[in-house]
mmCIF file of all heavy atoms, coordinates in Angstrom:
data_MODEL
# 
_entry.id   MODEL 
# 
loop_
_atom_site.group_PDB 
_atom_site.id 
_atom_site.type_symbol 
_atom_site.label_atom_id 
_atom_site.label_alt_id 
_atom_site.label_comp_id 
_atom_site.label_asym_id 
_atom_site.label_entity_id 
_atom_site.label_seq_id 
_atom_site.pdbx_PDB_ins_code 
_atom_site.Cartn_x 
_atom_site.Cartn_y 
_atom_site.Cartn_z 
_atom_site.occupancy 
_atom_site.B_iso_or_equiv 
_atom_site.pdbx_formal_charge 
_atom_site.auth_seq_id 
_atom_site.auth_comp_id 
_atom_site.auth_asym_id 
_atom_site.auth_atom_id 
_atom_site.pdbx_PDB_model_num 
ATOM 1   N N   . ARG A 1 1  ? -11.160 4.356  17.121  1.00 0.00 ? 1  ARG A N   1 
ATOM 2   C CA  . ARG A 1 1  ? -10.319 4.730  18.257  1.00 0.00 ? 1  ARG A CA  1 
ATOM 3   C C   . ARG A 1 1  ? -10.888 4.094  19.528  1.00 0.00 ? 1  ARG A C   1 
ATOM 4   O O   . ARG A 1 1  ? -11.953 4.482  20.000  1.00 0.00 ? 1  ARG A O   1 
ATOM 5   C CB  . ARG A 1 1  ? -10.275 6.249  18.393  1.00 0.00 ? 1  ARG A CB  1 
ATOM 6   C CG  . ARG A 1 1  ? -9.587  6.970  17.249  1.00 0.00 ? 1  ARG A CG  1 
ATOM 7   C CD  . ARG A 1 1  ? -9.676  8.479  17.367  1.00 0.00 ? 1  ARG A CD  1 
ATOM 8   N NE  . ARG A 1 1  ? -10.917 9.009  16.806  1.00 0.00 ? 1  ARG A NE  1 
ATOM 9   C CZ  . ARG A 1 1  ? -11.902 9.524  17.509  1.00 0.00 ? 1  ARG A CZ  1 
ATOM 10  N NH1 . ARG A 1 1  ? -11.819 9.597  18.832  1.00 0.00 ? 1  ARG A NH1 1 
ATOM 11  N NH2 . ARG A 1 1  ? -13.001 9.974  16.926  1.00 0.00 ? 1  ARG A NH2 1 
ATOM 12  N N   . PHE A 1 2  ? -10.160 3.141  20.079  1.00 0.00 ? 2  PHE A N   1 
ATOM 13  C CA  . PHE A 1 2  ? -10.586 2.541  21.341  1.00 0.00 ? 2  PHE A CA  1 
ATOM 14  C C   . PHE A 1 2  ? -10.267 3.455  22.516  1.00 0.00 ? 2  PHE A C   1 
ATOM 15  O O   . PHE A 1 2  ? -10.985 3.467  23.520  1.00 0.00 ? 2  PHE A O   1 
ATOM 16  C CB  . PHE A 1 2  ? -9.892  1.185  21.540  1.00 0.00 ? 2  PHE A CB  1 
ATOM 17  C CG  . PHE A 1 2  ? -10.385 0.121  20.610  1.00 0.00 ? 2  PHE A CG  1 
ATOM 18  C CD1 . PHE A 1 2  ? -9.731  -0.123 19.413  1.00 0.00 ? 2  PHE A CD1 1 
ATOM 19  C CD2 . PHE A 1 2  ? -11.505 -0.634 20.926  1.00 0.00 ? 2  PHE A CD2 1 
ATOM 20  C CE1 . PHE A 1 2  ? -10.176 -1.110 18.547  1.00 0.00 ? 2  PHE A CE1 1 
ATOM 21  C CE2 . PHE A 1 2  ? -11.953 -1.620 20.064  1.00 0.00 ? 2  PHE A CE2 1 
ATOM 22  C CZ  . PHE A 1 2  ? -11.303 -1.858 18.867  1.00 0.00 ? 2  PHE A CZ  1 
ATOM 23  N N   . SER A 1 3  ? -9.179  4.169  22.418  1.00 0.00 ? 3  SER A N   1 
ATOM 24  C CA  . SER A 1 3  ? -8.749  5.088  23.470  1.00 0.00 ? 3  SER A CA  1 
ATOM 25  C C   . SER A 1 3  ? -7.826  6.106  22.837  1.00 0.00 ? 3  SER A C   1 
ATOM 26  O O   . SER A 1 3  ? -7.625  6.112  21.617  1.00 0.00 ? 3  SER A O   1 
ATOM 27  C CB  . SER A 1 3  ? -8.035  4.328  24.598  1.00 0.00 ? 3  SER A CB  1 
ATOM 28  O OG  . SER A 1 3  ? -6.809  3.808  24.136  1.00 0.00 ? 3  SER A OG  1 
ATOM 29  N N   . ASP A 1 4  ? -7.253  6.958  23.673  1.00 0.00 ? 4  ASP A N   1 
ATOM 30  C CA  . ASP A 1 4  ? -6.322  7.951  23.138  1.00 0.00 ? 4  ASP A CA  1 
ATOM 31  C C   . ASP A 1 4  ? -4.991  7.316  22.741  1.00 0.00 ? 4  ASP A C   1 
ATOM 32  O O   . ASP A 1 4  ? -4.163  7.960  22.084  1.00 0.00 ? 4  ASP A O   1 
ATOM 33  C CB  . ASP A 1 4  ? -6.078  9.060  24.173  1.00 0.00 ? 4  ASP A CB  1 
ATOM 34  C CG  . ASP A 1 4  ? -5.450  8.528  25.442  1.00 0.00 ? 4  ASP A CG  1 
ATOM 35  O OD1 . ASP A 1 4  ? -6.063  7.652  26.075  1.00 0.00 ? 4  ASP A OD1 1 
ATOM 36  O OD2 . ASP A 1 4  ? -4.349  8.982  25.811  1.00 0.00 ? 4  ASP A OD2 1 
ATOM 37  N N   . THR A 1 5  ? -4.773  6.051  23.102  1.00 0.00 ? 5  THR A N   1 
ATOM 38  C CA  . THR A 1 5  ? -3.501  5.395  22.794  1.00 0.00 ? 5  THR A CA  1 
ATOM 39  C C   . THR A 1 5  ? -3.626  4.283  21.762  1.00 0.00 ? 5  THR A C   1 
ATOM 40  O O   . THR A 1 5  ? -2.622  3.906  21.153  1.00 0.00 ? 5  THR A O   1 
ATOM 41  C CB  . THR A 1 5  ? -2.870  4.795  24.065  1.00 0.00 ? 5  THR A CB  1 
ATOM 42  O OG1 . THR A 1 5  ? -3.780  3.833  24.630  1.00 0.00 ? 5  THR A OG1 1 
ATOM 43  C CG2 . THR A 1 5  ? -2.579  5.879  25.093  1.00 0.00 ? 5  THR A CG2 1 
ATOM 44  N N   . PHE A 1 6  ? -4.827  3.734  21.551  1.00 0.00 ? 6  PHE A N   1 
ATOM 45  C CA  . PHE A 1 6  ? -4.958  2.538  20.733  1.00 0.00 ? 6  PHE A CA  1 
ATOM 46  C C   . PHE A 1 6  ? -6.058  2.702  19.695  1.00 0.00 ? 6  PHE A C   1 
ATOM 47  O O   . PHE A 1 6  ? -7.170  3.144  20.012  1.00 0.00 ? 6  PHE A O   1 
ATOM 48  C CB  . PHE A 1 6  ? -5.266  1.327  21.617  1.00 0.00 ? 6  PHE A CB  1 
ATOM 49  C CG  . PHE A 1 6  ? -5.415  0.040  20.851  1.00 0.00 ? 6  PHE A CG  1 
ATOM 50  C CD1 . PHE A 1 6  ? -4.373  -0.442 20.077  1.00 0.00 ? 6  PHE A CD1 1 
ATOM 51  C CD2 . PHE A 1 6  ? -6.589  -0.683 20.902  1.00 0.00 ? 6  PHE A CD2 1 
ATOM 52  C CE1 . PHE A 1 6  ? -4.495  -1.625 19.362  1.00 0.00 ? 6  PHE A CE1 1 
ATOM 53  C CE2 . PHE A 1 6  ? -6.722  -1.869 20.195  1.00 0.00 ? 6  PHE A CE2 1 
ATOM 54  C CZ  . PHE A 1 6  ? -5.674  -2.338 19.428  1.00 0.00 ? 6  PHE A CZ  1 
ATOM 55  N N   . SER A 1 7  ? -5.734  2.357  18.443  1.00 0.00 ? 7  SER A N   1 
ATOM 56  C CA  . SER A 1 7  ? -6.716  2.427  17.363  1.00 0.00 ? 7  SER A CA  1 
ATOM 57  C C   . SER A 1 7  ? -6.421  1.336  16.346  1.00 0.00 ? 7  SER A C   1 
ATOM 58  O O   . SER A 1 7  ? -5.287  0.860  16.239  1.00 0.00 ? 7  SER A O   1 
ATOM 59  C CB  . SER A 1 7  ? -6.705  3.805  16.687  1.00 0.00 ? 7  SER A CB  1 
ATOM 60  O OG  . SER A 1 7  ? -5.469  4.019  16.015  1.00 0.00 ? 7  SER A OG  1 
ATOM 61  N N   . VAL A 1 8  ? -7.456  0.949  15.593  1.00 0.00 ? 8  VAL A N   1 
ATOM 62  C CA  . VAL A 1 8  ? -7.298  0.003  14.488  1.00 0.00 ? 8  VAL A CA  1 
ATOM 63  C C   . VAL A 1 8  ? -8.000  0.590  13.274  1.00 0.00 ? 8  VAL A C   1 
ATOM 64  O O   . VAL A 1 8  ? -8.922  1.418  13.407  1.00 0.00 ? 8  VAL A O   1 
ATOM 65  C CB  . VAL A 1 8  ? -7.880  -1.389 14.821  1.00 0.00 ? 8  VAL A CB  1 
ATOM 66  C CG1 . VAL A 1 8  ? -7.174  -2.003 16.016  1.00 0.00 ? 8  VAL A CG1 1 
ATOM 67  C CG2 . VAL A 1 8  ? -9.380  -1.298 15.084  1.00 0.00 ? 8  VAL A CG2 1 
ATOM 68  N N   . GLN A 1 9  ? -7.568  0.193  12.105  1.00 0.00 ? 9  GLN A N   1 
ATOM 69  C CA  . GLN A 1 9  ? -8.215  0.657  10.897  1.00 0.00 ? 9  GLN A CA  1 
ATOM 70  C C   . GLN A 1 9  ? -8.146  -0.418 9.825   1.00 0.00 ? 9  GLN A C   1 
ATOM 71  O O   . GLN A 1 9  ? -7.236  -1.256 9.814   1.00 0.00 ? 9  GLN A O   1 
ATOM 72  C CB  . GLN A 1 9  ? -7.597  1.960  10.392  1.00 0.00 ? 9  GLN A CB  1 
ATOM 73  C CG  . GLN A 1 9  ? -6.152  1.875  9.953   1.00 0.00 ? 9  GLN A CG  1 
ATOM 74  C CD  . GLN A 1 9  ? -5.596  3.241  9.572   1.00 0.00 ? 9  GLN A CD  1 
ATOM 75  O OE1 . GLN A 1 9  ? -5.831  4.237  10.255  1.00 0.00 ? 9  GLN A OE1 1 
ATOM 76  N NE2 . GLN A 1 9  ? -4.868  3.296  8.470   1.00 0.00 ? 9  GLN A NE2 1 
ATOM 77  N N   . ALA A 1 10 ? -9.122  -0.376 8.933   1.00 0.00 ? 10 ALA A N   1 
ATOM 78  C CA  . ALA A 1 10 ? -9.195  -1.330 7.838   1.00 0.00 ? 10 ALA A CA  1 
ATOM 79  C C   . ALA A 1 10 ? -9.877  -0.651 6.666   1.00 0.00 ? 10 ALA A C   1 
ATOM 80  O O   . ALA A 1 10 ? -10.652 0.296  6.840   1.00 0.00 ? 10 ALA A O   1 
ATOM 81  C CB  . ALA A 1 10 ? -9.951  -2.597 8.254   1.00 0.00 ? 10 ALA A CB  1 
ATOM 82  N N   . GLY A 1 11 ? -9.582  -1.154 5.457   1.00 0.00 ? 11 GLY A N   1 
ATOM 83  C CA  . GLY A 1 11 ? -10.186 -0.527 4.288   1.00 0.00 ? 11 GLY A CA  1 
ATOM 84  C C   . GLY A 1 11 ? -9.743  -1.191 3.004   1.00 0.00 ? 11 GLY A C   1 
ATOM 85  O O   . GLY A 1 11 ? -9.525  -2.410 2.952   1.00 0.00 ? 11 GLY A O   1 
ATOM 86  N N   . ALA A 1 12 ? -9.583  -0.373 1.979   1.00 0.00 ? 12 ALA A N   1 
ATOM 87  C CA  . ALA A 1 12 ? -9.225  -0.872 0.652   1.00 0.00 ? 12 ALA A CA  1 
ATOM 88  C C   . ALA A 1 12 ? -8.141  0.007  0.061   1.00 0.00 ? 12 ALA A C   1 
ATOM 89  O O   . ALA A 1 12 ? -8.047  1.209  0.360   1.00 0.00 ? 12 ALA A O   1 
ATOM 90  C CB  . ALA A 1 12 ? -10.451 -0.878 -0.262  1.00 0.00 ? 12 ALA A CB  1 
ATOM 91  N N   . GLN A 1 13 ? -7.302  -0.595 -0.772  1.00 0.00 ? 13 GLN A N   1 
ATOM 92  C CA  . GLN A 1 13 ? -6.226  0.120  -1.447  1.00 0.00 ? 13 GLN A CA  1 
ATOM 93  C C   . GLN A 1 13 ? -6.184  -0.298 -2.907  1.00 0.00 ? 13 GLN A C   1 
ATOM 94  O O   . GLN A 1 13 ? -6.331  -1.480 -3.229  1.00 0.00 ? 13 GLN A O   1 
ATOM 95  C CB  . GLN A 1 13 ? -4.874  -0.162 -0.788  1.00 0.00 ? 13 GLN A CB  1 
ATOM 96  C CG  . GLN A 1 13 ? -3.694  0.525  -1.483  1.00 0.00 ? 13 GLN A CG  1 
ATOM 97  C CD  . GLN A 1 13 ? -2.362  0.225  -0.815  1.00 0.00 ? 13 GLN A CD  1 
ATOM 98  O OE1 . GLN A 1 13 ? -2.302  -0.503 0.174   1.00 0.00 ? 13 GLN A OE1 1 
ATOM 99  N NE2 . GLN A 1 13 ? -1.287  0.790  -1.366  1.00 0.00 ? 13 GLN A NE2 1 
ATOM 100 N N   . LEU A 1 14 ? -5.999  0.687  -3.764  1.00 0.00 ? 14 LEU A N   1 
ATOM 101 C CA  . LEU A 1 14 ? -5.872  0.447  -5.193  1.00 0.00 ? 14 LEU A CA  1 
ATOM 102 C C   . LEU A 1 14 ? -4.637  1.164  -5.687  1.00 0.00 ? 14 LEU A C   1 
ATOM 103 O O   . LEU A 1 14 ? -4.438  2.349  -5.374  1.00 0.00 ? 14 LEU A O   1 
ATOM 104 C CB  . LEU A 1 14 ? -7.115  0.930  -5.935  1.00 0.00 ? 14 LEU A CB  1 
ATOM 105 C CG  . LEU A 1 14 ? -7.196  0.714  -7.455  1.00 0.00 ? 14 LEU A CG  1 
ATOM 106 C CD1 . LEU A 1 14 ? -8.660  0.588  -7.879  1.00 0.00 ? 14 LEU A CD1 1 
ATOM 107 C CD2 . LEU A 1 14 ? -6.560  1.877  -8.226  1.00 0.00 ? 14 LEU A CD2 1 
ATOM 108 N N   . GLN A 1 15 ? -3.796  0.459  -6.429  1.00 0.00 ? 15 GLN A N   1 
ATOM 109 C CA  . GLN A 1 15 ? -2.600  1.089  -6.991  1.00 0.00 ? 15 GLN A CA  1 
ATOM 110 C C   . GLN A 1 15 ? -2.327  0.521  -8.380  1.00 0.00 ? 15 GLN A C   1 
ATOM 111 O O   . GLN A 1 15 ? -2.343  -0.702 -8.574  1.00 0.00 ? 15 GLN A O   1 
ATOM 112 C CB  . GLN A 1 15 ? -1.376  0.879  -6.109  1.00 0.00 ? 15 GLN A CB  1 
ATOM 113 C CG  . GLN A 1 15 ? -0.144  1.637  -6.612  1.00 0.00 ? 15 GLN A CG  1 
ATOM 114 C CD  . GLN A 1 15 ? 1.033   1.599  -5.643  1.00 0.00 ? 15 GLN A CD  1 
ATOM 115 O OE1 . GLN A 1 15 ? 2.159   1.342  -6.042  1.00 0.00 ? 15 GLN A OE1 1 
ATOM 116 N NE2 . GLN A 1 15 ? 0.766   1.872  -4.375  1.00 0.00 ? 15 GLN A NE2 1 
ATOM 117 N N   . LYS A 1 16 ? -2.086  1.437  -9.312  1.00 0.00 ? 16 LYS A N   1 
ATOM 118 C CA  . LYS A 1 16 ? -1.707  1.060  -10.676 1.00 0.00 ? 16 LYS A CA  1 
ATOM 119 C C   . LYS A 1 16 ? -0.433  1.800  -11.014 1.00 0.00 ? 16 LYS A C   1 
ATOM 120 O O   . LYS A 1 16 ? -0.336  3.020  -10.812 1.00 0.00 ? 16 LYS A O   1 
ATOM 121 C CB  . LYS A 1 16 ? -2.804  1.422  -11.674 1.00 0.00 ? 16 LYS A CB  1 
ATOM 122 C CG  . LYS A 1 16 ? -2.459  1.035  -13.124 1.00 0.00 ? 16 LYS A CG  1 
ATOM 123 C CD  . LYS A 1 16 ? -3.613  1.325  -14.056 1.00 0.00 ? 16 LYS A CD  1 
ATOM 124 C CE  . LYS A 1 16 ? -3.236  1.034  -15.507 1.00 0.00 ? 16 LYS A CE  1 
ATOM 125 N NZ  . LYS A 1 16 ? -2.819  -0.376 -15.713 1.00 0.00 ? 16 LYS A NZ  1 
ATOM 126 N N   . GLY A 1 17 ? 0.579   1.049  -11.510 1.00 0.00 ? 17 GLY A N   1 
ATOM 127 C CA  . GLY A 1 17 ? 1.831   1.716  -11.772 1.00 0.00 ? 17 GLY A CA  1 
ATOM 128 C C   . GLY A 1 17 ? 2.807   0.874  -12.553 1.00 0.00 ? 17 GLY A C   1 
ATOM 129 O O   . GLY A 1 17 ? 2.488   -0.199 -13.066 1.00 0.00 ? 17 GLY A O   1 
ATOM 130 N N   . GLN A 1 18 ? 4.030   1.391  -12.606 1.00 0.00 ? 18 GLN A N   1 
ATOM 131 C CA  . GLN A 1 18 ? 5.115   0.738  -13.309 1.00 0.00 ? 18 GLN A CA  1 
ATOM 132 C C   . GLN A 1 18 ? 6.403   0.983  -12.547 1.00 0.00 ? 18 GLN A C   1 
ATOM 133 O O   . GLN A 1 18 ? 6.655   2.094  -12.059 1.00 0.00 ? 18 GLN A O   1 
ATOM 134 C CB  . GLN A 1 18 ? 5.248   1.281  -14.730 1.00 0.00 ? 18 GLN A CB  1 
ATOM 135 C CG  . GLN A 1 18 ? 6.360   0.646  -15.555 1.00 0.00 ? 18 GLN A CG  1 
ATOM 136 C CD  . GLN A 1 18 ? 6.575   1.378  -16.865 1.00 0.00 ? 18 GLN A CD  1 
ATOM 137 O OE1 . GLN A 1 18 ? 7.323   2.352  -16.924 1.00 0.00 ? 18 GLN A OE1 1 
ATOM 138 N NE2 . GLN A 1 18 ? 5.897   0.923  -17.920 1.00 0.00 ? 18 GLN A NE2 1 
ATOM 139 N N   . SER A 1 19 ? 7.221   -0.048 -12.420 1.00 0.00 ? 19 SER A N   1 
ATOM 140 C CA  . SER A 1 19 ? 8.532   0.099  -11.805 1.00 0.00 ? 19 SER A CA  1 
ATOM 141 C C   . SER A 1 19 ? 9.556   -0.611 -12.668 1.00 0.00 ? 19 SER A C   1 
ATOM 142 O O   . SER A 1 19 ? 9.238   -1.604 -13.344 1.00 0.00 ? 19 SER A O   1 
ATOM 143 C CB  . SER A 1 19 ? 8.547   -0.491 -10.388 1.00 0.00 ? 19 SER A CB  1 
ATOM 144 O OG  . SER A 1 19 ? 8.493   -1.904 -10.430 1.00 0.00 ? 19 SER A OG  1 
ATOM 145 N N   . SER A 1 20 ? 10.782  -0.110 -12.641 1.00 0.00 ? 20 SER A N   1 
ATOM 146 C CA  . SER A 1 20 ? 11.840  -0.729 -13.431 1.00 0.00 ? 20 SER A CA  1 
ATOM 147 C C   . SER A 1 20 ? 13.168  -0.570 -12.723 1.00 0.00 ? 20 SER A C   1 
ATOM 148 O O   . SER A 1 20 ? 13.440  0.454  -12.083 1.00 0.00 ? 20 SER A O   1 
ATOM 149 C CB  . SER A 1 20 ? 11.912  -0.102 -14.830 1.00 0.00 ? 20 SER A CB  1 
ATOM 150 O OG  . SER A 1 20 ? 12.177  1.290  -14.742 1.00 0.00 ? 20 SER A OG  1 
ATOM 151 N N   . ASP A 1 21 ? 13.972  -1.607 -12.791 1.00 0.00 ? 21 ASP A N   1 
ATOM 152 C CA  . ASP A 1 21 ? 15.336  -1.590 -12.268 1.00 0.00 ? 21 ASP A CA  1 
ATOM 153 C C   . ASP A 1 21 ? 16.134  -2.639 -13.033 1.00 0.00 ? 21 ASP A C   1 
ATOM 154 O O   . ASP A 1 21 ? 15.702  -3.101 -14.101 1.00 0.00 ? 21 ASP A O   1 
ATOM 155 C CB  . ASP A 1 21 ? 15.346  -1.833 -10.757 1.00 0.00 ? 21 ASP A CB  1 
ATOM 156 C CG  . ASP A 1 21 ? 14.836  -3.215 -10.372 1.00 0.00 ? 21 ASP A CG  1 
ATOM 157 O OD1 . ASP A 1 21 ? 14.377  -3.957 -11.274 1.00 0.00 ? 21 ASP A OD1 1 
ATOM 158 O OD2 . ASP A 1 21 ? 14.907  -3.566 -9.181  1.00 0.00 ? 21 ASP A OD2 1 
ATOM 159 N N   . VAL A 1 22 ? 17.265  -3.039 -12.490 1.00 0.00 ? 22 VAL A N   1 
ATOM 160 C CA  . VAL A 1 22 ? 18.111  -3.988 -13.211 1.00 0.00 ? 22 VAL A CA  1 
ATOM 161 C C   . VAL A 1 22 ? 17.472  -5.365 -13.329 1.00 0.00 ? 22 VAL A C   1 
ATOM 162 O O   . VAL A 1 22 ? 17.896  -6.186 -14.151 1.00 0.00 ? 22 VAL A O   1 
ATOM 163 C CB  . VAL A 1 22 ? 19.491  -4.113 -12.534 1.00 0.00 ? 22 VAL A CB  1 
ATOM 164 C CG1 . VAL A 1 22 ? 20.269  -2.817 -12.656 1.00 0.00 ? 22 VAL A CG1 1 
ATOM 165 C CG2 . VAL A 1 22 ? 19.343  -4.541 -11.078 1.00 0.00 ? 22 VAL A CG2 1 
ATOM 166 N N   . LEU A 1 23 ? 16.436  -5.640 -12.532 1.00 0.00 ? 23 LEU A N   1 
ATOM 167 C CA  . LEU A 1 23 ? 15.747  -6.924 -12.628 1.00 0.00 ? 23 LEU A CA  1 
ATOM 168 C C   . LEU A 1 23 ? 14.670  -6.921 -13.704 1.00 0.00 ? 23 LEU A C   1 
ATOM 169 O O   . LEU A 1 23 ? 14.112  -7.973 -14.020 1.00 0.00 ? 23 LEU A O   1 
ATOM 170 C CB  . LEU A 1 23 ? 15.123  -7.296 -11.276 1.00 0.00 ? 23 LEU A CB  1 
ATOM 171 C CG  . LEU A 1 23 ? 16.094  -7.545 -10.121 1.00 0.00 ? 23 LEU A CG  1 
ATOM 172 C CD1 . LEU A 1 23 ? 15.334  -7.979 -8.874  1.00 0.00 ? 23 LEU A CD1 1 
ATOM 173 C CD2 . LEU A 1 23 ? 17.138  -8.589 -10.490 1.00 0.00 ? 23 LEU A CD2 1 
ATOM 174 N N   . GLY A 1 24 ? 14.357  -5.744 -14.237 1.00 0.00 ? 24 GLY A N   1 
ATOM 175 C CA  . GLY A 1 24 ? 13.359  -5.671 -15.290 1.00 0.00 ? 24 GLY A CA  1 
ATOM 176 C C   . GLY A 1 24 ? 12.283  -4.646 -14.998 1.00 0.00 ? 24 GLY A C   1 
ATOM 177 O O   . GLY A 1 24 ? 12.304  -3.946 -13.980 1.00 0.00 ? 24 GLY A O   1 
ATOM 178 N N   . LYS A 1 25 ? 11.318  -4.572 -15.928 1.00 0.00 ? 25 LYS A N   1 
ATOM 179 C CA  . LYS A 1 25 ? 10.209  -3.630 -15.806 1.00 0.00 ? 25 LYS A CA  1 
ATOM 180 C C   . LYS A 1 25 ? 8.935   -4.400 -15.464 1.00 0.00 ? 25 LYS A C   1 
ATOM 181 O O   . LYS A 1 25 ? 8.667   -5.465 -16.033 1.00 0.00 ? 25 LYS A O   1 
ATOM 182 C CB  . LYS A 1 25 ? 10.024  -2.843 -17.101 1.00 0.00 ? 25 LYS A CB  1 
ATOM 183 C CG  . LYS A 1 25 ? 8.931   -1.781 -17.026 1.00 0.00 ? 25 LYS A CG  1 
ATOM 184 C CD  . LYS A 1 25 ? 8.902   -0.906 -18.271 1.00 0.00 ? 25 LYS A CD  1 
ATOM 185 C CE  . LYS A 1 25 ? 8.411   -1.701 -19.483 1.00 0.00 ? 25 LYS A CE  1 
ATOM 186 N NZ  . LYS A 1 25 ? 8.211   -0.818 -20.658 1.00 0.00 ? 25 LYS A NZ  1 
ATOM 187 N N   . ILE A 1 26 ? 8.156   -3.829 -14.535 1.00 0.00 ? 26 ILE A N   1 
ATOM 188 C CA  . ILE A 1 26 ? 6.918   -4.473 -14.108 1.00 0.00 ? 26 ILE A CA  1 
ATOM 189 C C   . ILE A 1 26 ? 5.778   -3.465 -14.228 1.00 0.00 ? 26 ILE A C   1 
ATOM 190 O O   . ILE A 1 26 ? 5.813   -2.393 -13.600 1.00 0.00 ? 26 ILE A O   1 
ATOM 191 C CB  . ILE A 1 26 ? 7.016   -4.980 -12.656 1.00 0.00 ? 26 ILE A CB  1 
ATOM 192 C CG1 . ILE A 1 26 ? 8.144   -6.001 -12.514 1.00 0.00 ? 26 ILE A CG1 1 
ATOM 193 C CG2 . ILE A 1 26 ? 5.690   -5.596 -12.217 1.00 0.00 ? 26 ILE A CG2 1 
ATOM 194 C CD1 . ILE A 1 26 ? 8.371   -6.471 -11.091 1.00 0.00 ? 26 ILE A CD1 1 
ATOM 195 N N   . ASP A 1 27 ? 4.788   -3.776 -15.040 1.00 0.00 ? 27 ASP A N   1 
ATOM 196 C CA  . ASP A 1 27 ? 3.533   -3.028 -15.061 1.00 0.00 ? 27 ASP A CA  1 
ATOM 197 C C   . ASP A 1 27 ? 2.545   -3.788 -14.189 1.00 0.00 ? 27 ASP A C   1 
ATOM 198 O O   . ASP A 1 27 ? 2.334   -4.998 -14.388 1.00 0.00 ? 27 ASP A O   1 
ATOM 199 C CB  . ASP A 1 27 ? 3.004   -2.915 -16.489 1.00 0.00 ? 27 ASP A CB  1 
ATOM 200 C CG  . ASP A 1 27 ? 3.890   -2.045 -17.362 1.00 0.00 ? 27 ASP A CG  1 
ATOM 201 O OD1 . ASP A 1 27 ? 3.925   -0.821 -17.120 1.00 0.00 ? 27 ASP A OD1 1 
ATOM 202 O OD2 . ASP A 1 27 ? 4.565   -2.606 -18.248 1.00 0.00 ? 27 ASP A OD2 1 
ATOM 203 N N   . TYR A 1 28 ? 1.947   -3.104 -13.237 1.00 0.00 ? 28 TYR A N   1 
ATOM 204 C CA  . TYR A 1 28 ? 1.144   -3.838 -12.261 1.00 0.00 ? 28 TYR A CA  1 
ATOM 205 C C   . TYR A 1 28 ? -0.149  -3.089 -11.921 1.00 0.00 ? 28 TYR A C   1 
ATOM 206 O O   . TYR A 1 28 ? -0.266  -1.870 -12.086 1.00 0.00 ? 28 TYR A O   1 
ATOM 207 C CB  . TYR A 1 28 ? 1.944   -4.085 -10.982 1.00 0.00 ? 28 TYR A CB  1 
ATOM 208 C CG  . TYR A 1 28 ? 2.339   -2.814 -10.246 1.00 0.00 ? 28 TYR A CG  1 
ATOM 209 C CD1 . TYR A 1 28 ? 1.525   -2.263 -9.271  1.00 0.00 ? 28 TYR A CD1 1 
ATOM 210 C CD2 . TYR A 1 28 ? 3.545   -2.161 -10.533 1.00 0.00 ? 28 TYR A CD2 1 
ATOM 211 C CE1 . TYR A 1 28 ? 1.883   -1.112 -8.597  1.00 0.00 ? 28 TYR A CE1 1 
ATOM 212 C CE2 . TYR A 1 28 ? 3.917   -1.006 -9.875  1.00 0.00 ? 28 TYR A CE2 1 
ATOM 213 C CZ  . TYR A 1 28 ? 3.080   -0.483 -8.901  1.00 0.00 ? 28 TYR A CZ  1 
ATOM 214 O OH  . TYR A 1 28 ? 3.433   0.674  -8.247  1.00 0.00 ? 28 TYR A OH  1 
# 
């Protein structure tokens, strides 16, 4: 937090899943 109005953040994200629609199924 630089001030009460401005902040930045950084980190890591991990996601494992599956999605499907008319274009097909994706395991990712």
